[in-house]
N, C-alpha and C. Protein backbone atom coordinates (compact mmCIF):
# COMPACT_ATOMS: atom_id res chain seq x y z
N MET A 1 -22.20 -82.19 -60.10
CA MET A 1 -22.16 -80.84 -60.60
C MET A 1 -20.94 -80.15 -60.00
N CYS A 2 -20.10 -79.55 -60.80
CA CYS A 2 -18.91 -78.84 -60.34
C CYS A 2 -19.13 -77.35 -60.53
N ARG A 3 -18.82 -76.59 -59.50
CA ARG A 3 -18.95 -75.14 -59.58
C ARG A 3 -17.73 -74.54 -60.26
N ASP A 4 -17.95 -73.65 -61.18
CA ASP A 4 -16.88 -72.93 -61.87
C ASP A 4 -15.86 -73.88 -62.50
N GLY A 5 -16.25 -75.08 -62.81
CA GLY A 5 -15.34 -76.01 -63.46
C GLY A 5 -14.23 -76.54 -62.57
N ARG A 6 -14.30 -76.30 -61.27
CA ARG A 6 -13.24 -76.77 -60.37
C ARG A 6 -13.63 -78.13 -59.81
N LEU A 7 -12.81 -79.12 -60.09
CA LEU A 7 -13.10 -80.49 -59.71
C LEU A 7 -13.17 -80.66 -58.20
N ARG A 8 -12.33 -79.94 -57.45
CA ARG A 8 -12.31 -80.16 -56.00
C ARG A 8 -13.56 -79.64 -55.30
N GLU A 9 -14.41 -78.93 -56.02
CA GLU A 9 -15.64 -78.45 -55.42
C GLU A 9 -16.86 -79.15 -56.01
N CYS A 10 -16.69 -80.37 -56.45
CA CYS A 10 -17.79 -81.11 -57.06
C CYS A 10 -18.76 -81.59 -55.99
N ILE A 11 -20.02 -81.41 -56.28
CA ILE A 11 -21.08 -81.96 -55.45
C ILE A 11 -21.84 -82.93 -56.37
N PHE A 12 -21.97 -84.16 -55.95
CA PHE A 12 -22.59 -85.17 -56.78
C PHE A 12 -24.10 -85.13 -56.58
N THR A 13 -24.81 -85.00 -57.69
CA THR A 13 -26.27 -84.94 -57.58
C THR A 13 -26.86 -86.33 -57.41
N TYR A 14 -26.17 -87.36 -57.87
CA TYR A 14 -26.62 -88.73 -57.64
C TYR A 14 -26.11 -89.15 -56.27
N LEU A 15 -26.90 -89.87 -55.54
CA LEU A 15 -26.58 -90.12 -54.14
C LEU A 15 -25.67 -91.31 -53.91
N HIS A 16 -25.40 -92.12 -54.92
CA HIS A 16 -24.49 -93.24 -54.72
C HIS A 16 -23.77 -93.59 -56.02
N LEU A 17 -22.67 -94.27 -55.84
CA LEU A 17 -21.87 -94.76 -56.96
C LEU A 17 -21.89 -96.28 -56.87
N GLN A 18 -22.17 -96.93 -57.98
CA GLN A 18 -22.25 -98.38 -57.99
C GLN A 18 -21.18 -98.92 -58.93
N ILE A 19 -20.40 -99.85 -58.43
CA ILE A 19 -19.38 -100.51 -59.23
C ILE A 19 -19.76 -101.98 -59.35
N LEU A 20 -19.81 -102.46 -60.60
CA LEU A 20 -20.18 -103.85 -60.87
C LEU A 20 -19.00 -104.56 -61.50
N PHE A 21 -18.83 -105.83 -61.12
CA PHE A 21 -17.76 -106.64 -61.68
C PHE A 21 -18.28 -108.07 -61.78
N ALA A 22 -18.15 -108.65 -62.95
CA ALA A 22 -18.63 -110.02 -63.14
C ALA A 22 -17.56 -110.84 -63.84
N VAL A 23 -17.43 -112.07 -63.41
CA VAL A 23 -16.51 -113.02 -64.04
C VAL A 23 -17.35 -114.22 -64.49
N ALA A 24 -17.26 -114.54 -65.77
CA ALA A 24 -18.01 -115.69 -66.31
C ALA A 24 -17.01 -116.78 -66.68
N ILE A 25 -17.25 -117.97 -66.17
CA ILE A 25 -16.37 -119.12 -66.44
C ILE A 25 -17.20 -120.15 -67.22
N PRO A 26 -16.78 -120.44 -68.44
CA PRO A 26 -17.56 -121.42 -69.22
C PRO A 26 -17.43 -122.84 -68.65
N VAL A 27 -18.54 -123.56 -68.70
CA VAL A 27 -18.56 -124.95 -68.24
C VAL A 27 -18.59 -125.83 -69.50
N ASP A 28 -17.69 -126.79 -69.52
CA ASP A 28 -17.56 -127.64 -70.73
C ASP A 28 -18.56 -128.78 -70.68
N ILE A 29 -19.73 -128.55 -71.27
CA ILE A 29 -20.76 -129.58 -71.41
C ILE A 29 -21.07 -129.66 -72.91
N PRO A 30 -20.87 -130.85 -73.52
CA PRO A 30 -21.08 -130.96 -74.97
C PRO A 30 -22.53 -130.63 -75.35
N GLY A 31 -22.66 -129.82 -76.37
CA GLY A 31 -23.97 -129.45 -76.90
C GLY A 31 -24.67 -128.36 -76.12
N LYS A 32 -24.06 -127.86 -75.07
CA LYS A 32 -24.69 -126.81 -74.24
C LYS A 32 -23.73 -125.63 -74.13
N SER A 33 -24.29 -124.47 -74.01
CA SER A 33 -23.50 -123.25 -73.78
C SER A 33 -23.85 -122.74 -72.38
N ILE A 34 -23.04 -123.15 -71.42
CA ILE A 34 -23.31 -122.79 -70.02
C ILE A 34 -22.08 -122.11 -69.44
N ALA A 35 -22.35 -121.12 -68.60
CA ALA A 35 -21.26 -120.42 -67.92
C ALA A 35 -21.67 -120.19 -66.47
N VAL A 36 -20.68 -120.27 -65.60
CA VAL A 36 -20.89 -119.96 -64.18
C VAL A 36 -20.38 -118.53 -63.98
N SER A 37 -21.22 -117.72 -63.44
CA SER A 37 -20.85 -116.30 -63.27
C SER A 37 -20.68 -115.96 -61.79
N LEU A 38 -19.65 -115.19 -61.54
CA LEU A 38 -19.45 -114.61 -60.20
C LEU A 38 -19.67 -113.11 -60.35
N TYR A 39 -20.53 -112.59 -59.54
CA TYR A 39 -20.96 -111.20 -59.68
C TYR A 39 -20.60 -110.44 -58.40
N PHE A 40 -19.89 -109.35 -58.55
CA PHE A 40 -19.51 -108.51 -57.42
C PHE A 40 -20.13 -107.13 -57.60
N GLU A 41 -20.61 -106.58 -56.53
CA GLU A 41 -21.23 -105.25 -56.59
C GLU A 41 -20.78 -104.45 -55.37
N ALA A 42 -20.45 -103.20 -55.60
CA ALA A 42 -20.08 -102.31 -54.49
C ALA A 42 -20.84 -101.00 -54.66
N ASN A 43 -21.43 -100.52 -53.59
CA ASN A 43 -22.17 -99.25 -53.60
C ASN A 43 -21.51 -98.29 -52.63
N TYR A 44 -21.31 -97.09 -53.08
CA TYR A 44 -20.69 -96.06 -52.24
C TYR A 44 -21.60 -94.83 -52.21
N GLY A 45 -21.91 -94.38 -51.01
CA GLY A 45 -22.67 -93.15 -50.88
C GLY A 45 -21.78 -91.95 -51.18
N LEU A 46 -22.29 -91.00 -51.91
CA LEU A 46 -21.50 -89.83 -52.30
C LEU A 46 -21.99 -88.59 -51.55
N PRO A 47 -21.10 -87.64 -51.34
CA PRO A 47 -21.52 -86.41 -50.64
C PRO A 47 -22.47 -85.59 -51.51
N TRP A 48 -23.49 -85.03 -50.90
CA TRP A 48 -24.41 -84.20 -51.65
C TRP A 48 -24.43 -82.76 -51.15
N GLU A 49 -23.66 -82.46 -50.09
CA GLU A 49 -23.47 -81.08 -49.65
C GLU A 49 -22.03 -80.89 -49.21
N ALA A 50 -21.55 -79.66 -49.31
CA ALA A 50 -20.14 -79.37 -49.01
C ALA A 50 -19.80 -79.68 -47.56
N SER A 51 -20.76 -79.60 -46.65
CA SER A 51 -20.48 -79.85 -45.24
C SER A 51 -20.07 -81.30 -44.97
N GLN A 52 -20.35 -82.19 -45.90
CA GLN A 52 -19.98 -83.59 -45.69
C GLN A 52 -18.50 -83.85 -45.95
N PHE A 53 -17.82 -82.92 -46.59
CA PHE A 53 -16.38 -83.08 -46.82
C PHE A 53 -15.59 -82.81 -45.54
N TYR A 54 -16.13 -81.98 -44.68
CA TYR A 54 -15.44 -81.56 -43.47
C TYR A 54 -16.35 -81.83 -42.27
N GLY A 55 -15.77 -81.75 -41.08
CA GLY A 55 -16.56 -81.92 -39.87
C GLY A 55 -17.51 -80.75 -39.66
N GLU A 56 -18.41 -80.90 -38.72
CA GLU A 56 -19.40 -79.85 -38.45
C GLU A 56 -18.76 -78.54 -38.03
N ASN A 57 -17.65 -78.61 -37.30
CA ASN A 57 -17.04 -77.40 -36.77
C ASN A 57 -16.08 -76.72 -37.74
N TYR A 58 -15.91 -77.28 -38.94
CA TYR A 58 -14.95 -76.71 -39.88
C TYR A 58 -15.32 -75.28 -40.26
N TYR A 59 -16.60 -75.04 -40.45
CA TYR A 59 -17.05 -73.72 -40.85
C TYR A 59 -17.49 -72.85 -39.67
N ALA A 60 -17.31 -73.34 -38.47
CA ALA A 60 -17.73 -72.58 -37.29
C ALA A 60 -16.93 -71.28 -37.19
N LYS A 61 -17.56 -70.26 -36.67
CA LYS A 61 -16.92 -68.96 -36.54
C LYS A 61 -15.78 -69.06 -35.54
N ARG A 62 -14.66 -68.53 -35.93
CA ARG A 62 -13.52 -68.51 -35.02
C ARG A 62 -13.58 -67.20 -34.25
N ASN A 63 -13.39 -67.30 -32.96
CA ASN A 63 -13.54 -66.12 -32.12
C ASN A 63 -12.18 -65.70 -31.60
N LEU A 64 -11.73 -64.55 -32.03
CA LEU A 64 -10.47 -63.99 -31.57
C LEU A 64 -10.80 -62.71 -30.83
N ASP A 65 -10.72 -62.75 -29.52
CA ASP A 65 -11.04 -61.56 -28.76
C ASP A 65 -9.77 -60.99 -28.12
N ARG A 66 -9.93 -59.82 -27.54
CA ARG A 66 -8.82 -59.10 -26.94
C ARG A 66 -8.18 -59.89 -25.80
N ARG A 67 -8.99 -60.58 -25.03
CA ARG A 67 -8.46 -61.36 -23.90
C ARG A 67 -7.48 -62.44 -24.40
N LEU A 68 -7.84 -63.10 -25.48
CA LEU A 68 -6.97 -64.14 -26.05
C LEU A 68 -5.66 -63.54 -26.56
N VAL A 69 -5.74 -62.38 -27.21
CA VAL A 69 -4.53 -61.71 -27.70
C VAL A 69 -3.64 -61.31 -26.53
N TYR A 70 -4.24 -60.80 -25.46
CA TYR A 70 -3.47 -60.39 -24.29
C TYR A 70 -2.80 -61.60 -23.62
N GLU A 71 -3.54 -62.72 -23.52
CA GLU A 71 -2.95 -63.92 -22.91
C GLU A 71 -1.77 -64.43 -23.74
N ALA A 72 -1.92 -64.41 -25.06
CA ALA A 72 -0.82 -64.84 -25.94
C ALA A 72 0.37 -63.89 -25.81
N SER A 73 0.10 -62.60 -25.67
CA SER A 73 1.18 -61.61 -25.51
C SER A 73 1.94 -61.84 -24.21
N VAL A 74 1.20 -62.10 -23.14
CA VAL A 74 1.83 -62.36 -21.84
C VAL A 74 2.72 -63.60 -21.94
N GLN A 75 2.22 -64.66 -22.55
CA GLN A 75 3.02 -65.89 -22.69
C GLN A 75 4.27 -65.66 -23.53
N LYS A 76 4.14 -64.91 -24.61
CA LYS A 76 5.30 -64.64 -25.46
C LYS A 76 6.34 -63.81 -24.72
N LEU A 77 5.89 -62.78 -24.02
CA LEU A 77 6.83 -61.95 -23.25
C LEU A 77 7.54 -62.78 -22.19
N GLU A 78 6.80 -63.66 -21.51
CA GLU A 78 7.41 -64.51 -20.49
C GLU A 78 8.42 -65.48 -21.12
N SER A 79 8.11 -65.97 -22.31
CA SER A 79 9.06 -66.88 -22.98
C SER A 79 10.34 -66.15 -23.38
N LEU A 80 10.27 -64.84 -23.53
CA LEU A 80 11.45 -64.03 -23.84
C LEU A 80 12.19 -63.59 -22.57
N GLY A 81 11.66 -63.97 -21.40
CA GLY A 81 12.33 -63.66 -20.14
C GLY A 81 11.87 -62.37 -19.48
N TYR A 82 10.78 -61.80 -19.93
CA TYR A 82 10.25 -60.57 -19.34
C TYR A 82 9.04 -60.90 -18.47
N PRO A 83 8.75 -60.05 -17.48
CA PRO A 83 7.53 -60.25 -16.69
C PRO A 83 6.31 -59.95 -17.57
N GLY A 84 5.61 -60.98 -17.98
CA GLY A 84 4.56 -60.87 -18.98
C GLY A 84 3.47 -59.87 -18.70
N LEU A 85 2.80 -59.99 -17.55
CA LEU A 85 1.67 -59.11 -17.27
C LEU A 85 2.11 -57.67 -17.14
N ASP A 86 3.19 -57.42 -16.42
CA ASP A 86 3.66 -56.04 -16.26
C ASP A 86 4.03 -55.42 -17.61
N CYS A 87 4.65 -56.20 -18.48
CA CYS A 87 5.02 -55.67 -19.79
C CYS A 87 3.78 -55.46 -20.67
N LEU A 88 2.77 -56.31 -20.52
CA LEU A 88 1.52 -56.08 -21.25
C LEU A 88 0.88 -54.78 -20.79
N LEU A 89 0.81 -54.59 -19.47
CA LEU A 89 0.21 -53.37 -18.93
C LEU A 89 0.99 -52.13 -19.38
N ARG A 90 2.30 -52.25 -19.41
CA ARG A 90 3.11 -51.12 -19.88
C ARG A 90 2.86 -50.86 -21.37
N THR A 91 2.69 -51.91 -22.14
CA THR A 91 2.39 -51.76 -23.57
C THR A 91 1.08 -51.02 -23.77
N ILE A 92 0.06 -51.39 -23.00
CA ILE A 92 -1.24 -50.73 -23.08
C ILE A 92 -1.10 -49.27 -22.70
N CYS A 93 -0.35 -49.01 -21.64
CA CYS A 93 -0.11 -47.64 -21.18
C CYS A 93 0.61 -46.82 -22.26
N GLU A 94 1.67 -47.39 -22.83
CA GLU A 94 2.44 -46.68 -23.86
C GLU A 94 1.61 -46.44 -25.11
N ALA A 95 0.76 -47.39 -25.49
CA ALA A 95 -0.08 -47.23 -26.68
C ALA A 95 -1.08 -46.10 -26.49
N ALA A 96 -1.57 -45.93 -25.26
CA ALA A 96 -2.50 -44.84 -24.98
C ALA A 96 -1.78 -43.50 -24.94
N LYS A 97 -0.57 -43.50 -24.41
CA LYS A 97 0.19 -42.26 -24.24
C LYS A 97 0.79 -41.77 -25.56
N TYR A 98 1.31 -42.68 -26.36
CA TYR A 98 1.97 -42.33 -27.62
C TYR A 98 1.27 -43.07 -28.77
N PRO A 99 0.31 -42.43 -29.41
CA PRO A 99 -0.45 -43.10 -30.49
C PRO A 99 0.46 -43.63 -31.60
N LEU A 100 0.08 -44.78 -32.13
CA LEU A 100 0.87 -45.46 -33.16
C LEU A 100 0.30 -45.25 -34.56
N SER A 101 -0.64 -44.34 -34.69
CA SER A 101 -1.35 -44.18 -35.96
C SER A 101 -0.46 -43.69 -37.10
N GLU A 102 0.70 -43.13 -36.80
CA GLU A 102 1.59 -42.66 -37.86
C GLU A 102 2.46 -43.79 -38.43
N ASN A 103 2.25 -45.00 -37.95
CA ASN A 103 3.05 -46.14 -38.40
C ASN A 103 2.31 -47.03 -39.39
N GLY A 104 1.40 -46.46 -40.15
CA GLY A 104 0.70 -47.20 -41.19
C GLY A 104 -0.34 -48.17 -40.65
N VAL A 105 -0.65 -49.14 -41.46
CA VAL A 105 -1.69 -50.11 -41.12
C VAL A 105 -1.32 -50.92 -39.89
N LEU A 106 -0.06 -51.34 -39.79
CA LEU A 106 0.38 -52.10 -38.62
C LEU A 106 0.22 -51.28 -37.35
N GLY A 107 0.57 -50.00 -37.42
CA GLY A 107 0.40 -49.12 -36.27
C GLY A 107 -1.06 -48.98 -35.88
N ASP A 108 -1.94 -48.87 -36.87
CA ASP A 108 -3.37 -48.78 -36.58
C ASP A 108 -3.88 -50.04 -35.90
N ILE A 109 -3.43 -51.19 -36.39
CA ILE A 109 -3.86 -52.46 -35.79
C ILE A 109 -3.36 -52.57 -34.35
N LEU A 110 -2.09 -52.26 -34.13
CA LEU A 110 -1.54 -52.31 -32.77
C LEU A 110 -2.25 -51.33 -31.86
N GLN A 111 -2.58 -50.15 -32.37
CA GLN A 111 -3.30 -49.15 -31.58
C GLN A 111 -4.65 -49.69 -31.13
N ILE A 112 -5.36 -50.33 -32.04
CA ILE A 112 -6.67 -50.89 -31.69
C ILE A 112 -6.53 -52.03 -30.69
N VAL A 113 -5.58 -52.93 -30.94
CA VAL A 113 -5.41 -54.10 -30.07
C VAL A 113 -5.02 -53.69 -28.65
N PHE A 114 -4.09 -52.73 -28.54
CA PHE A 114 -3.59 -52.37 -27.21
C PHE A 114 -4.26 -51.13 -26.62
N THR A 115 -5.45 -50.81 -27.10
CA THR A 115 -6.26 -49.75 -26.51
C THR A 115 -7.62 -50.36 -26.18
N PRO A 116 -7.79 -50.87 -24.98
CA PRO A 116 -9.02 -51.58 -24.62
C PRO A 116 -10.30 -50.78 -24.85
N SER A 117 -10.24 -49.46 -24.70
CA SER A 117 -11.45 -48.65 -24.86
C SER A 117 -11.85 -48.47 -26.32
N SER A 118 -11.05 -48.98 -27.26
CA SER A 118 -11.37 -48.80 -28.68
C SER A 118 -12.47 -49.74 -29.17
N SER A 119 -12.93 -50.62 -28.31
CA SER A 119 -14.02 -51.51 -28.71
C SER A 119 -14.97 -51.70 -27.54
N ARG A 120 -15.96 -52.52 -27.76
CA ARG A 120 -16.98 -52.75 -26.73
C ARG A 120 -16.36 -53.28 -25.44
N ASN A 121 -17.12 -53.23 -24.39
CA ASN A 121 -16.65 -53.73 -23.11
C ASN A 121 -16.50 -55.25 -23.19
N GLU A 122 -15.30 -55.73 -22.97
CA GLU A 122 -15.03 -57.17 -23.05
C GLU A 122 -14.81 -57.78 -21.68
N ASN A 123 -15.22 -57.09 -20.63
CA ASN A 123 -15.07 -57.57 -19.26
C ASN A 123 -13.62 -57.95 -18.95
N LEU A 124 -12.73 -57.06 -19.28
CA LEU A 124 -11.31 -57.28 -19.00
C LEU A 124 -11.04 -56.95 -17.54
N PRO A 125 -9.98 -57.50 -16.97
CA PRO A 125 -9.63 -57.17 -15.58
C PRO A 125 -9.40 -55.66 -15.43
N ASP A 126 -9.71 -55.15 -14.25
CA ASP A 126 -9.59 -53.71 -13.98
C ASP A 126 -8.18 -53.19 -14.23
N GLU A 127 -7.16 -53.98 -13.92
CA GLU A 127 -5.79 -53.51 -14.09
C GLU A 127 -5.47 -53.21 -15.56
N ILE A 128 -6.10 -53.92 -16.47
CA ILE A 128 -5.89 -53.67 -17.90
C ILE A 128 -6.57 -52.37 -18.31
N VAL A 129 -7.78 -52.16 -17.84
CA VAL A 129 -8.51 -50.93 -18.16
C VAL A 129 -7.79 -49.72 -17.55
N GLU A 130 -7.29 -49.87 -16.33
CA GLU A 130 -6.58 -48.78 -15.66
C GLU A 130 -5.25 -48.46 -16.34
N ALA A 131 -4.60 -49.45 -16.93
CA ALA A 131 -3.31 -49.23 -17.59
C ALA A 131 -3.44 -48.22 -18.72
N GLU A 132 -4.59 -48.20 -19.36
CA GLU A 132 -4.80 -47.26 -20.46
C GLU A 132 -4.87 -45.81 -19.97
N ARG A 133 -5.29 -45.62 -18.73
CA ARG A 133 -5.42 -44.27 -18.17
C ARG A 133 -4.16 -43.78 -17.46
N GLU A 134 -3.23 -44.68 -17.21
CA GLU A 134 -2.00 -44.34 -16.48
C GLU A 134 -1.15 -43.37 -17.30
N GLN A 135 -0.56 -42.39 -16.62
CA GLN A 135 0.26 -41.38 -17.30
C GLN A 135 1.76 -41.67 -17.21
N HIS A 136 2.19 -42.32 -16.16
CA HIS A 136 3.62 -42.57 -15.93
C HIS A 136 3.91 -44.06 -16.11
N CYS A 137 4.01 -44.46 -17.34
CA CYS A 137 4.13 -45.88 -17.68
C CYS A 137 5.38 -46.52 -17.10
N ASP A 138 6.53 -45.87 -17.28
CA ASP A 138 7.78 -46.47 -16.84
C ASP A 138 7.87 -46.55 -15.32
N ARG A 139 7.28 -45.59 -14.62
CA ARG A 139 7.31 -45.64 -13.14
C ARG A 139 6.31 -46.65 -12.60
N ARG A 140 5.12 -46.66 -13.16
CA ARG A 140 4.05 -47.53 -12.65
C ARG A 140 4.37 -49.01 -12.92
N TYR A 141 4.96 -49.29 -14.07
CA TYR A 141 5.24 -50.68 -14.45
C TYR A 141 6.75 -50.89 -14.53
N LYS A 142 7.43 -50.60 -13.42
CA LYS A 142 8.90 -50.67 -13.43
C LYS A 142 9.43 -52.10 -13.42
N LYS A 143 8.58 -53.09 -13.15
CA LYS A 143 9.04 -54.49 -13.25
C LYS A 143 9.34 -54.86 -14.71
N CYS A 144 8.75 -54.12 -15.62
CA CYS A 144 9.03 -54.34 -17.05
C CYS A 144 10.16 -53.38 -17.43
N PRO A 145 11.36 -53.90 -17.66
CA PRO A 145 12.52 -53.03 -17.85
C PRO A 145 12.56 -52.27 -19.18
N VAL A 146 11.75 -52.68 -20.15
CA VAL A 146 11.78 -52.02 -21.46
C VAL A 146 10.36 -51.74 -21.95
N ASN A 147 10.28 -50.81 -22.87
CA ASN A 147 9.01 -50.58 -23.55
C ASN A 147 8.87 -51.68 -24.60
N PRO A 148 7.84 -52.53 -24.50
CA PRO A 148 7.69 -53.64 -25.45
C PRO A 148 7.65 -53.20 -26.92
N PHE A 149 7.18 -51.97 -27.19
CA PHE A 149 7.19 -51.50 -28.57
C PHE A 149 8.62 -51.30 -29.06
N ASP A 150 9.54 -50.97 -28.15
CA ASP A 150 10.95 -50.87 -28.54
C ASP A 150 11.50 -52.24 -28.92
N LEU A 151 11.03 -53.31 -28.25
CA LEU A 151 11.46 -54.67 -28.60
C LEU A 151 11.03 -55.01 -30.02
N VAL A 152 9.81 -54.68 -30.35
CA VAL A 152 9.29 -54.97 -31.69
C VAL A 152 10.06 -54.18 -32.73
N SER A 153 10.26 -52.89 -32.48
CA SER A 153 10.92 -52.07 -33.49
C SER A 153 12.38 -52.47 -33.67
N SER A 154 13.04 -52.93 -32.60
CA SER A 154 14.43 -53.34 -32.76
C SER A 154 14.52 -54.65 -33.54
N HIS A 155 13.54 -55.57 -33.33
CA HIS A 155 13.54 -56.83 -34.08
C HIS A 155 13.18 -56.58 -35.54
N VAL A 156 12.24 -55.69 -35.79
CA VAL A 156 11.85 -55.39 -37.17
C VAL A 156 12.98 -54.67 -37.88
N GLY A 157 13.67 -53.75 -37.18
CA GLY A 157 14.77 -53.01 -37.78
C GLY A 157 15.98 -53.88 -38.06
N ALA A 158 16.12 -54.98 -37.32
CA ALA A 158 17.28 -55.86 -37.49
C ALA A 158 17.16 -56.75 -38.71
N THR A 159 15.94 -56.92 -39.23
CA THR A 159 15.77 -57.84 -40.37
C THR A 159 15.91 -57.14 -41.68
């Protein structure tokens, strides 16, 4: 049975496919009609539910939390030659101090991601939670020489 006529989503209601092949070779005996037959049979089990096409974990919920985003941000900043954690903390501080909501959907997403208090408690390190309350971002996080949002806007503006 195929859903919506799409072949790639076919679920077979019969549980197996059987292929038969026979070769008959006549034997030359006068007055008799005799043949020697060779018979081949192959049975294949067919999928009866969509989960059999993929592994068990294919449909598992993917979990993307704030901690994972922050770790990826730190790694990316470090790969660009900046002190990752300090620049992340400065980003959180700047996002709290200067809201990004006037920058459309992307600004709203960045505001949510870099404002830890915008969602449930995710047991983040205290320094991340404190960065959101800091008022003097450039002084407190002086190891980060630039505002990371300026890096993004300069790269976006250059394209």
